[in-house]
């Protein structure tokens, strides 16, 4: 008997059967050969097709329960699709298996090559995606090699595992930036005494460094950068502060821009005076947002914020869930937890502080309407100029 080559298989006939009595696998094979014999002519005899290697080994799985037998038949075929479907249809004419009545139903005629083609396409995509440096010339290769060498020098520093350059320990002066991407950019341009804070959350490692190093804080050129500067200076000893050009982030600056910004560093008090002046001048411009019409006519006197208030706000940070806004009274007790979209309809005179994961313009306007003293948030988007105090958690 000739054997069908696995590489020659084009289709698989998959059939199910159900019968009224018990029998064994050989009974099924016998029924397939015996009851289709002479049905389709000598060229399409199952037994002869198998001898010629055009039909493969027939697989049968069955189970007998409660006096009934059910199972599945799989017939591999190297015939073309027309001949394969004729063979498949002929199986449904079988009405007995062994001594019992039975019914065979074709479940599927599967194109085996289709699944192979799917595999080929997926594998080809993966291989294509894995091809690197396509078309890279020698100068590009040199640049990438130099940059990868610099990036490889990033170290994990302190208990929080902050991204840092290799010269943080050995240098008397350390530049503090907002995150890992900023550190990477600084290292690319040869500035190695740098450490990142991993965003707006203040790490204790920075405070510890401030006790023995001369810290220069380098923040992004946006309102969020100003807020981070205030937060860091509230928690660590910072000597100088510098800022990226307006609208730019440290991670996107060129080497020349980085060096220019570092040369323009100023004592922290001068930085905050300058920032305050810019803020006040901006109030005279036409883009200053108007108070929403629903602002209460009577001004509500709010007490000043204390250092204890700021500390308690950071303890409450874990209460912020999703995009909801926490509304706190003057005792810093949470009395409302509402979606930002509902702030406009909230009516209360007890709103002292609003807390959120990300402070948006909607939340700032809501705070103005409620005459809240401050908005505290983990991050700040593009927020408008406002009289409401902004606190970075």
Protein backbone atom coordinates (compact mmCIF):
# COMPACT_ATOMS: atom_id res chain seq x y z
CA UNK A 1 0.00 0.00 0.00
CA UNK A 2 1.39 3.39 -0.99
CA UNK A 3 1.64 5.98 1.75
CA UNK A 4 0.54 9.54 1.24
CA UNK A 5 3.29 12.06 1.79
CA UNK A 6 2.48 14.72 4.41
CA UNK A 7 3.67 17.35 1.93
CA UNK A 8 1.12 16.12 -0.64
CA UNK A 9 -1.93 16.56 1.59
CA UNK A 10 -4.20 19.29 0.27
CA UNK A 11 -7.43 18.76 2.18
CA UNK A 12 -8.81 17.05 5.26
CA UNK A 13 -12.34 15.61 5.28
CA UNK A 14 -13.74 15.92 8.79
CA UNK A 15 -16.93 13.96 9.51
CA UNK A 16 -18.92 13.14 12.63
CA UNK A 17 -21.10 10.08 13.21
CA UNK A 18 -23.70 8.80 15.63
CA UNK A 19 -24.94 5.18 15.89
CA UNK A 20 -27.43 3.25 18.00
CA UNK A 21 -25.11 0.58 19.32
CA UNK A 22 -21.53 -0.22 20.37
CA UNK A 23 -18.74 -1.06 17.90
CA UNK A 24 -14.98 -0.60 17.40
CA UNK A 25 -12.80 1.53 15.11
CA UNK A 26 -12.23 -1.28 12.56
CA UNK A 27 -16.03 -1.41 12.10
CA UNK A 28 -16.00 2.25 11.02
CA UNK A 29 -13.13 1.71 8.56
CA UNK A 30 -14.90 -1.34 7.14
CA UNK A 31 -18.12 0.63 6.66
CA UNK A 32 -16.28 3.40 4.81
CA UNK A 33 -14.62 0.99 2.38
CA UNK A 34 -17.50 -1.47 2.04
CA UNK A 35 -20.50 0.83 1.64
CA UNK A 36 -18.81 3.23 -0.83
CA UNK A 37 -17.41 0.40 -2.98
CA UNK A 38 -18.72 0.59 -6.56
CA UNK A 39 -20.61 3.79 -5.76
CA UNK A 40 -18.34 6.20 -7.64
CA UNK A 41 -16.62 3.91 -10.16
CA UNK A 42 -13.27 2.19 -10.01
CA UNK A 43 -11.28 5.46 -10.18
CA UNK A 44 -12.84 6.72 -6.97
CA UNK A 45 -12.74 3.58 -4.81
CA UNK A 46 -11.51 4.56 -1.33
CA UNK A 47 -9.45 1.37 -1.04
CA UNK A 48 -7.73 1.93 -4.39
CA UNK A 49 -7.15 5.64 -3.70
CA UNK A 50 -5.44 4.74 -0.47
CA UNK A 51 -3.25 2.16 -2.22
CA UNK A 52 -2.22 4.84 -4.74
CA UNK A 53 -1.34 7.31 -1.96
CA UNK A 54 -4.14 9.72 -2.87
CA UNK A 55 -6.00 9.13 0.38
CA UNK A 56 -4.08 9.04 3.64
CA UNK A 57 -4.46 7.05 6.83
CA UNK A 58 -8.04 7.36 8.10
CA UNK A 59 -8.21 8.46 11.75
CA UNK A 60 -11.22 7.50 13.88
CA UNK A 61 -12.05 8.64 17.42
CA UNK A 62 -15.17 7.28 19.10
CA UNK A 63 -16.85 6.94 22.47
CA UNK A 64 -19.74 4.72 23.57
CA UNK A 65 -22.13 5.97 26.25
CA UNK A 66 -25.64 4.93 27.14
CA UNK A 67 -25.85 2.42 24.32
CA UNK A 68 -24.94 5.02 21.67
CA UNK A 69 -21.63 5.54 19.90
CA UNK A 70 -20.46 8.92 18.64
CA UNK A 71 -17.20 9.99 17.10
CA UNK A 72 -15.18 11.77 14.45
CA UNK A 73 -13.53 10.64 11.20
CA UNK A 74 -10.59 12.47 9.58
CA UNK A 75 -9.55 11.55 6.03
CA UNK A 76 -6.47 13.32 4.53
CA UNK A 77 -6.69 13.82 0.77
CA UNK A 78 -4.18 14.58 -1.98
CA UNK A 79 -6.96 14.78 -4.58
CA UNK A 80 -8.15 18.08 -6.02
CA UNK A 81 -10.98 19.91 -4.31
CA UNK A 82 -13.68 18.58 -6.66
CA UNK A 83 -12.73 14.94 -6.16
CA UNK A 84 -12.27 15.48 -2.42
CA UNK A 85 -15.78 16.92 -2.00
CA UNK A 86 -17.25 14.00 -4.01
CA UNK A 87 -15.56 11.53 -1.65
CA UNK A 88 -16.84 13.56 1.30
CA UNK A 89 -20.43 13.57 0.01
CA UNK A 90 -20.32 9.81 -0.57
CA UNK A 91 -19.64 9.21 3.13
CA UNK A 92 -23.06 10.62 4.03
CA UNK A 93 -24.71 7.71 2.15
CA UNK A 94 -23.44 5.23 4.77
CA UNK A 95 -26.33 4.17 6.98
CA UNK A 96 -24.84 1.28 8.99
CA UNK A 97 -21.65 0.75 10.96
CA UNK A 98 -21.24 -2.86 11.97
CA UNK A 99 -24.68 -4.23 12.89
CA UNK A 100 -26.09 -0.84 14.00
CA UNK A 101 -27.89 1.98 12.24
CA UNK A 102 -25.67 5.05 11.89
CA UNK A 103 -25.64 8.54 10.44
CA UNK A 104 -22.49 10.26 9.12
CA UNK A 105 -22.41 14.05 8.63
CA UNK A 106 -19.61 16.01 6.96
CA UNK A 107 -18.48 18.70 9.38
CA UNK A 108 -15.88 20.37 7.18
CA UNK A 109 -13.55 19.98 4.21
CA UNK A 110 -10.51 21.88 5.38
CA UNK A 111 -7.89 23.33 3.05
CA UNK A 112 -4.69 22.31 4.84
CA UNK A 113 -2.63 24.58 2.60
CA UNK A 114 -4.68 27.58 3.76
CA UNK A 115 -3.54 27.16 7.34
CA UNK A 116 0.03 26.75 6.09
CA UNK A 117 -0.30 29.97 4.10
CA UNK A 118 -1.59 31.77 7.20
CA UNK A 119 1.40 30.53 9.14
CA UNK A 120 3.77 31.60 6.36
CA UNK A 121 2.32 35.11 6.29
CA UNK A 122 2.47 35.58 10.06
CA UNK A 123 6.00 34.23 10.24
CA UNK A 124 7.10 36.40 7.32
CA UNK A 125 5.70 39.49 9.08
CA UNK A 126 7.62 38.62 12.24
CA UNK A 127 10.84 38.07 10.30
CA UNK A 128 10.37 41.32 8.39
CA UNK A 129 9.81 43.25 11.60
CA UNK A 130 12.99 41.74 13.00
CA UNK A 131 15.20 43.09 10.22
CA UNK A 132 17.13 46.02 11.68
CA UNK A 133 19.41 48.71 10.28
CA UNK A 134 18.05 48.24 6.75
CA UNK A 135 19.88 50.55 4.39
CA UNK A 136 21.99 52.10 7.18
CA UNK A 137 25.20 53.70 5.92
CA UNK A 138 28.51 53.80 7.80
CA UNK A 139 27.93 57.25 9.33
CA UNK A 140 24.51 56.22 10.67
CA UNK A 141 26.04 53.04 12.09
CA UNK A 142 28.73 55.08 13.86
CA UNK A 143 26.15 57.48 15.29
CA UNK A 144 23.94 54.66 16.55
CA UNK A 145 26.91 52.89 18.09
CA UNK A 146 28.01 56.02 19.95
CA UNK A 147 24.48 56.71 21.18
CA UNK A 148 23.92 53.12 22.30
CA UNK A 149 27.19 53.27 24.24
CA UNK A 150 26.02 56.37 26.06
CA UNK A 151 22.57 54.96 26.79
CA UNK A 152 24.17 51.77 28.11
CA UNK A 153 25.75 53.87 30.86
CA UNK A 154 22.41 54.55 32.54
CA UNK A 155 22.45 53.21 36.09
CA UNK A 156 19.75 52.48 38.63
CA UNK A 157 20.26 54.81 41.59
CA UNK A 158 18.89 54.85 45.13
CA UNK A 159 16.12 52.91 46.85
CA UNK A 160 13.60 53.91 44.18
CA UNK A 161 15.87 52.72 41.34
CA UNK A 162 15.95 56.12 39.63
CA UNK A 163 17.45 56.38 36.14
CA UNK A 164 20.78 58.22 36.43
CA UNK A 165 24.10 58.88 34.74
CA UNK A 166 27.30 57.20 35.92
CA UNK A 167 28.80 60.39 37.42
CA UNK A 168 26.13 61.13 40.04
CA UNK A 169 28.21 59.74 42.92
CA UNK A 170 31.52 61.27 41.83
CA UNK A 171 30.28 64.75 40.90
CA UNK A 172 29.70 67.59 43.38
CA UNK A 173 27.00 69.01 41.11
CA UNK A 174 23.99 66.96 40.01
CA UNK A 175 21.29 67.92 37.52
CA UNK A 176 17.81 66.67 38.42
CA UNK A 177 15.34 66.11 35.54
CA UNK A 178 11.77 64.86 35.42
CA UNK A 179 12.11 61.34 33.99
CA UNK A 180 14.10 58.60 32.30
CA UNK A 181 13.66 59.99 28.76
CA UNK A 182 15.28 63.24 29.91
CA UNK A 183 18.21 61.28 31.37
CA UNK A 184 18.65 59.40 28.08
CA UNK A 185 18.76 62.65 26.11
CA UNK A 186 21.28 64.20 28.51
CA UNK A 187 23.56 61.15 28.25
CA UNK A 188 23.37 61.22 24.47
CA UNK A 189 24.92 64.66 24.61
CA UNK A 190 27.62 63.80 27.14
CA UNK A 191 26.00 65.13 30.35
CA UNK A 192 26.53 62.32 32.86
CA UNK A 193 25.90 63.89 36.28
CA UNK A 194 22.12 63.64 35.85
CA UNK A 195 19.28 61.83 37.65
CA UNK A 196 15.58 61.49 36.81
CA UNK A 197 12.63 61.66 39.22
CA UNK A 198 10.24 59.30 37.38
CA UNK A 199 7.58 61.95 36.79
CA UNK A 200 5.84 64.20 39.29
CA UNK A 201 5.98 61.87 42.31
CA UNK A 202 8.82 63.10 44.52
CA UNK A 203 11.42 60.43 45.43
CA UNK A 204 13.26 60.55 48.77
CA UNK A 205 16.54 59.82 46.97
CA UNK A 206 16.53 63.38 45.59
CA UNK A 207 16.14 64.85 49.08
CA UNK A 208 19.06 62.73 50.27
CA UNK A 209 21.24 63.89 47.37
CA UNK A 210 20.45 67.52 48.21
CA UNK A 211 22.16 67.10 51.57
CA UNK A 212 25.57 66.41 50.00
CA UNK A 213 25.33 67.63 46.38
CA UNK A 214 24.68 70.96 44.70
CA UNK A 215 21.39 70.27 42.91
CA UNK A 216 20.31 72.00 39.70
CA UNK A 217 16.71 71.30 38.75
CA UNK A 218 16.04 71.16 34.99
CA UNK A 219 12.30 71.15 34.14
CA UNK A 220 10.17 71.23 30.99
CA UNK A 221 9.15 74.55 29.48
CA UNK A 222 5.49 74.40 30.44
CA UNK A 223 3.21 75.07 33.39
CA UNK A 224 3.69 71.50 34.60
CA UNK A 225 7.43 72.20 34.83
CA UNK A 226 6.74 75.18 37.12
CA UNK A 227 4.57 73.04 39.37
CA UNK A 228 7.19 70.31 39.58
CA UNK A 229 9.82 72.92 40.44
CA UNK A 230 7.71 74.11 43.37
CA UNK A 231 7.12 70.55 44.55
CA UNK A 232 10.81 69.60 44.42
CA UNK A 233 11.91 72.78 46.20
CA UNK A 234 9.33 72.13 48.93
CA UNK A 235 10.91 68.73 49.59
CA UNK A 236 14.63 69.02 48.80
CA UNK A 237 17.50 71.50 48.95
CA UNK A 238 17.81 72.87 45.43
CA UNK A 239 20.42 75.54 44.61
CA UNK A 240 19.69 76.35 40.96
CA UNK A 241 16.78 75.93 38.57
CA UNK A 242 16.69 76.08 34.79
CA UNK A 243 13.95 75.41 32.28
CA UNK A 244 13.61 74.21 28.70
CA UNK A 245 12.45 76.81 26.12
CA UNK A 246 8.70 77.54 26.18
CA UNK A 247 6.65 74.63 24.91
CA UNK A 248 9.58 72.20 24.77
CA UNK A 249 10.50 69.21 26.91
CA UNK A 250 13.99 68.32 28.11
CA UNK A 251 13.87 64.97 26.30
CA UNK A 252 13.50 66.66 22.88
CA UNK A 253 16.20 69.32 23.19
CA UNK A 254 19.33 69.26 21.03
CA UNK A 255 22.77 69.18 22.63
CA UNK A 256 23.18 72.92 22.00
CA UNK A 257 19.82 73.72 23.62
CA UNK A 258 20.68 71.58 26.67
CA UNK A 259 23.96 73.40 27.23
CA UNK A 260 22.37 76.80 26.71
CA UNK A 261 19.66 76.04 29.25
CA UNK A 262 22.19 74.79 31.82
CA UNK A 263 24.28 77.95 31.37
CA UNK A 264 21.16 80.03 32.06
CA UNK A 265 20.44 78.38 35.42
CA UNK A 266 19.50 80.82 38.18
CA UNK A 267 19.15 80.62 41.98
CA UNK A 268 15.78 79.11 42.86
CA UNK A 269 14.41 82.35 44.38
CA UNK A 270 15.15 84.25 41.16
CA UNK A 271 13.45 81.51 39.15
CA UNK A 272 10.21 81.75 41.15
CA UNK A 273 10.22 85.56 41.02
CA UNK A 274 10.61 85.39 37.25
CA UNK A 275 7.88 82.74 36.95
CA UNK A 276 5.54 84.83 39.09
CA UNK A 277 6.15 87.87 36.90
CA UNK A 278 5.36 85.90 33.75
CA UNK A 279 2.16 84.59 35.33
CA UNK A 280 0.97 88.07 36.34
CA UNK A 281 1.74 89.52 32.90
CA UNK A 282 -0.23 86.76 31.25
CA UNK A 283 -3.36 87.79 33.16
CA UNK A 284 -3.51 90.97 31.09
CA UNK A 285 -3.72 89.08 27.82
CA UNK A 286 -6.98 88.30 26.08
CA UNK A 287 -6.61 84.55 26.55
CA UNK A 288 -7.18 84.73 30.31
CA UNK A 289 -10.27 82.54 30.86
CA UNK A 290 -13.38 84.23 32.11
CA UNK A 291 -15.18 82.99 35.16
CA UNK A 292 -18.08 80.75 34.33
CA UNK A 293 -21.43 82.45 34.66
CA UNK A 294 -22.50 80.21 37.52
CA UNK A 295 -19.78 81.56 39.88
CA UNK A 296 -21.52 82.64 43.12
CA UNK A 297 -21.94 86.38 43.42
CA UNK A 298 -20.59 86.43 46.98
CA UNK A 299 -16.89 85.76 47.39
CA UNK A 300 -16.06 82.95 49.79
CA UNK A 301 -13.12 83.55 52.08
CA UNK A 302 -10.80 80.53 52.14
CA UNK A 303 -8.06 80.00 54.68
CA UNK A 304 -4.42 79.71 53.63
CA UNK A 305 -2.85 76.33 52.96
CA UNK A 306 -0.27 75.05 55.43
CA UNK A 307 2.60 72.58 55.14
CA UNK A 308 0.50 70.11 57.15
CA UNK A 309 -2.27 70.48 54.56
CA UNK A 310 0.14 69.60 51.75
CA UNK A 311 1.43 66.58 53.65
CA UNK A 312 -2.10 65.31 54.27
CA UNK A 313 -2.99 65.77 50.60
CA UNK A 314 -0.15 63.46 49.63
CA UNK A 315 -1.47 60.89 52.09
CA UNK A 316 -4.89 61.11 50.43
CA UNK A 317 -3.41 60.55 46.97
CA UNK A 318 -4.27 56.85 47.05
CA UNK A 319 -7.99 57.74 47.30
CA UNK A 320 -7.97 59.10 43.74
CA UNK A 321 -9.59 56.51 41.47
CA UNK A 322 -9.80 56.76 37.71
CA UNK A 323 -10.97 60.12 36.36
CA UNK A 324 -13.12 61.08 39.31
CA UNK A 325 -12.54 64.26 41.29
CA UNK A 326 -12.40 64.33 45.10
CA UNK A 327 -13.93 67.42 46.70
CA UNK A 328 -12.45 68.24 50.13
CA UNK A 329 -13.70 70.65 52.78
CA UNK A 330 -11.46 72.88 54.93
CA UNK A 331 -10.79 69.96 57.30
CA UNK A 332 -9.52 68.02 54.24
CA UNK A 333 -12.34 65.51 54.61
CA UNK A 334 -13.73 64.06 51.36
CA UNK A 335 -17.43 64.93 51.06
CA UNK A 336 -17.91 64.43 47.30
CA UNK A 337 -16.45 62.01 44.74
CA UNK A 338 -17.74 62.98 41.30
CA UNK A 339 -16.81 62.68 37.62
CA UNK A 340 -15.10 65.78 36.25
CA UNK A 341 -18.03 66.30 33.86
CA UNK A 342 -20.38 66.84 36.83
CA UNK A 343 -18.34 69.58 38.50
CA UNK A 344 -20.24 72.23 36.56
CA UNK A 345 -23.54 71.16 38.15
CA UNK A 346 -22.17 70.76 41.68
CA UNK A 347 -23.61 73.30 44.12
CA UNK A 348 -21.76 73.70 47.41
CA UNK A 349 -19.85 76.38 49.29
CA UNK A 350 -17.65 73.87 51.15
CA UNK A 351 -15.26 72.98 48.31
CA UNK A 352 -11.81 73.87 49.65
CA UNK A 353 -9.61 71.62 47.49
CA UNK A 354 -10.25 69.47 44.41
CA UNK A 355 -8.06 66.37 43.94
CA UNK A 356 -7.63 64.47 40.66
CA UNK A 357 -5.23 62.16 38.87
CA UNK A 358 -4.84 64.58 35.96
CA UNK A 359 -5.87 68.22 36.25
CA UNK A 360 -7.59 69.39 33.06
CA UNK A 361 -9.10 72.71 32.05
CA UNK A 362 -12.54 71.35 32.99
CA UNK A 363 -11.40 70.69 36.57
CA UNK A 364 -9.74 74.12 36.85
CA UNK A 365 -12.93 75.84 35.65
CA UNK A 366 -14.93 73.73 38.10
CA UNK A 367 -12.65 74.85 40.93
CA UNK A 368 -13.14 78.48 39.90
CA UNK A 369 -16.92 78.07 39.90
CA UNK A 370 -16.84 76.50 43.37
CA UNK A 371 -14.31 79.13 44.55
CA UNK A 372 -11.98 76.35 45.72
CA UNK A 373 -8.67 77.35 47.19
CA UNK A 374 -6.59 74.83 45.22
CA UNK A 375 -6.46 71.90 42.80
CA UNK A 376 -4.11 69.04 43.72
CA UNK A 377 -3.16 66.48 41.06
CA UNK A 378 -0.58 63.89 40.09
CA UNK A 379 -0.19 65.41 36.62
CA UNK A 380 -1.33 68.60 34.91
CA UNK A 381 -2.45 68.90 31.32
CA UNK A 382 -2.68 72.15 29.39
CA UNK A 383 -4.38 74.13 32.12
CA UNK A 384 -5.39 77.80 31.74
CA UNK A 385 -3.99 80.63 33.83
CA UNK A 386 -6.01 80.81 37.02
CA UNK A 387 -6.16 82.29 40.53
CA UNK A 388 -6.70 78.78 41.91
CA UNK A 389 -3.54 77.43 43.54
CA UNK A 390 -2.13 74.33 41.80
CA UNK A 391 -0.45 71.62 43.91
CA UNK A 392 1.62 68.79 42.43
CA UNK A 393 1.25 65.58 44.43
